[in-house]
Structure formats: C-alpha cells, structure tokens
Amino acid sequence: MGTGRGRAVIVEAVPRHVEAVNRLVLYALTAAQACQLRAIVGRILDAVDVEGGMTPKPGP
C-alpha cells in the first residue's frame, strides 16, 4: 500500500483535491447536469469490474 511517508502525502493532499473537484466540477454544474453526471458515472461503474482491476465487462 506504499510507504508511511507516501500515505502521509496522500492524506495531506486529500482536502485540497476534494475542494478543487467540488469547485471545478461539482459546483460548476446545474442540478440537471449533476443528475446527468451521476447517471453517466453509474453507467461507467457498471461497465467495469472495480475489484478486478478495472477490467471492462462485455458491452451490450
């Protein structure tokens, strides 16, 4: 899972990363766009096997 120092760097970066994603992506969307993004992300997650290393599942 990495070194203790590497983990500390990640933990330190998380708040700034979350703030940037919120500001640049989520807060920039209208409510309708946020719903569309939620649906799109859901489709993407359904199409990949997250536990198996992001292996694409067969398409329709």
Protein backbone atom coordinates (compact mmCIF):
# COMPACT_ATOMS: atom_id res chain seq x y z
CA MET A 1 0.00 0.00 0.00
CA GLY A 2 3.02 2.26 -0.08
CA THR A 3 5.26 3.83 2.49
CA GLY A 4 4.21 5.70 5.57
CA ARG A 5 5.55 8.92 4.03
CA GLY A 6 3.65 8.26 0.80
CA ARG A 7 0.45 7.76 2.75
CA ALA A 8 1.07 10.97 4.69
CA VAL A 9 1.48 12.90 1.42
CA ILE A 10 -1.81 11.49 0.11
CA VAL A 11 -3.66 12.24 3.35
CA GLU A 12 -2.32 15.80 3.27
CA ALA A 13 -3.40 16.30 -0.36
CA VAL A 14 -6.94 14.95 0.02
CA PRO A 15 -8.64 18.09 1.40
CA ARG A 16 -7.22 20.29 -1.39
CA HIS A 17 -8.12 17.70 -4.01
CA VAL A 18 -11.70 17.42 -2.76
CA GLU A 19 -12.06 21.20 -2.66
CA ALA A 20 -10.73 21.50 -6.22
CA VAL A 21 -13.06 18.80 -7.56
CA ASN A 22 -16.03 20.40 -5.83
CA ARG A 23 -15.15 23.89 -7.08
CA LEU A 24 -14.14 22.99 -10.64
CA VAL A 25 -16.60 20.20 -11.36
CA LEU A 26 -19.49 19.74 -8.98
CA TYR A 27 -20.27 23.36 -8.07
CA ALA A 28 -19.99 24.33 -11.75
CA LEU A 29 -22.89 22.06 -12.72
CA THR A 30 -26.58 22.79 -12.69
CA ALA A 31 -28.80 20.36 -10.78
CA ALA A 32 -29.81 18.74 -14.07
CA GLN A 33 -26.18 18.36 -15.14
CA ALA A 34 -25.29 16.84 -11.77
CA CYS A 35 -28.05 14.26 -12.29
CA GLN A 36 -26.70 13.50 -15.75
CA LEU A 37 -23.18 13.12 -14.37
CA ARG A 38 -24.47 10.75 -11.68
CA ALA A 39 -26.14 8.62 -14.35
CA ILE A 40 -23.02 8.65 -16.55
CA VAL A 41 -20.73 7.67 -13.69
CA GLY A 42 -23.16 4.91 -12.73
CA ARG A 43 -23.02 3.50 -16.26
CA ILE A 44 -19.23 3.63 -16.24
CA LEU A 45 -19.05 1.86 -12.90
CA ASP A 46 -21.50 -0.77 -14.13
CA ALA A 47 -19.27 -1.34 -17.17
CA VAL A 48 -16.09 -2.08 -15.25
CA ASP A 49 -15.09 -4.58 -12.64
CA VAL A 50 -13.66 -2.32 -9.96
CA GLU A 51 -12.45 -5.16 -7.76
CA GLY A 52 -10.83 -6.91 -10.70
CA GLY A 53 -8.59 -4.02 -11.66
CA MET A 54 -10.96 -2.06 -13.89
CA THR A 55 -11.39 -4.88 -16.39
CA PRO A 56 -14.10 -3.85 -18.89
CA LYS A 57 -17.17 -6.04 -18.94
CA PRO A 58 -18.58 -7.08 -22.32
CA GLY A 59 -20.83 -4.43 -23.86
CA PRO A 60 -24.47 -4.88 -24.81
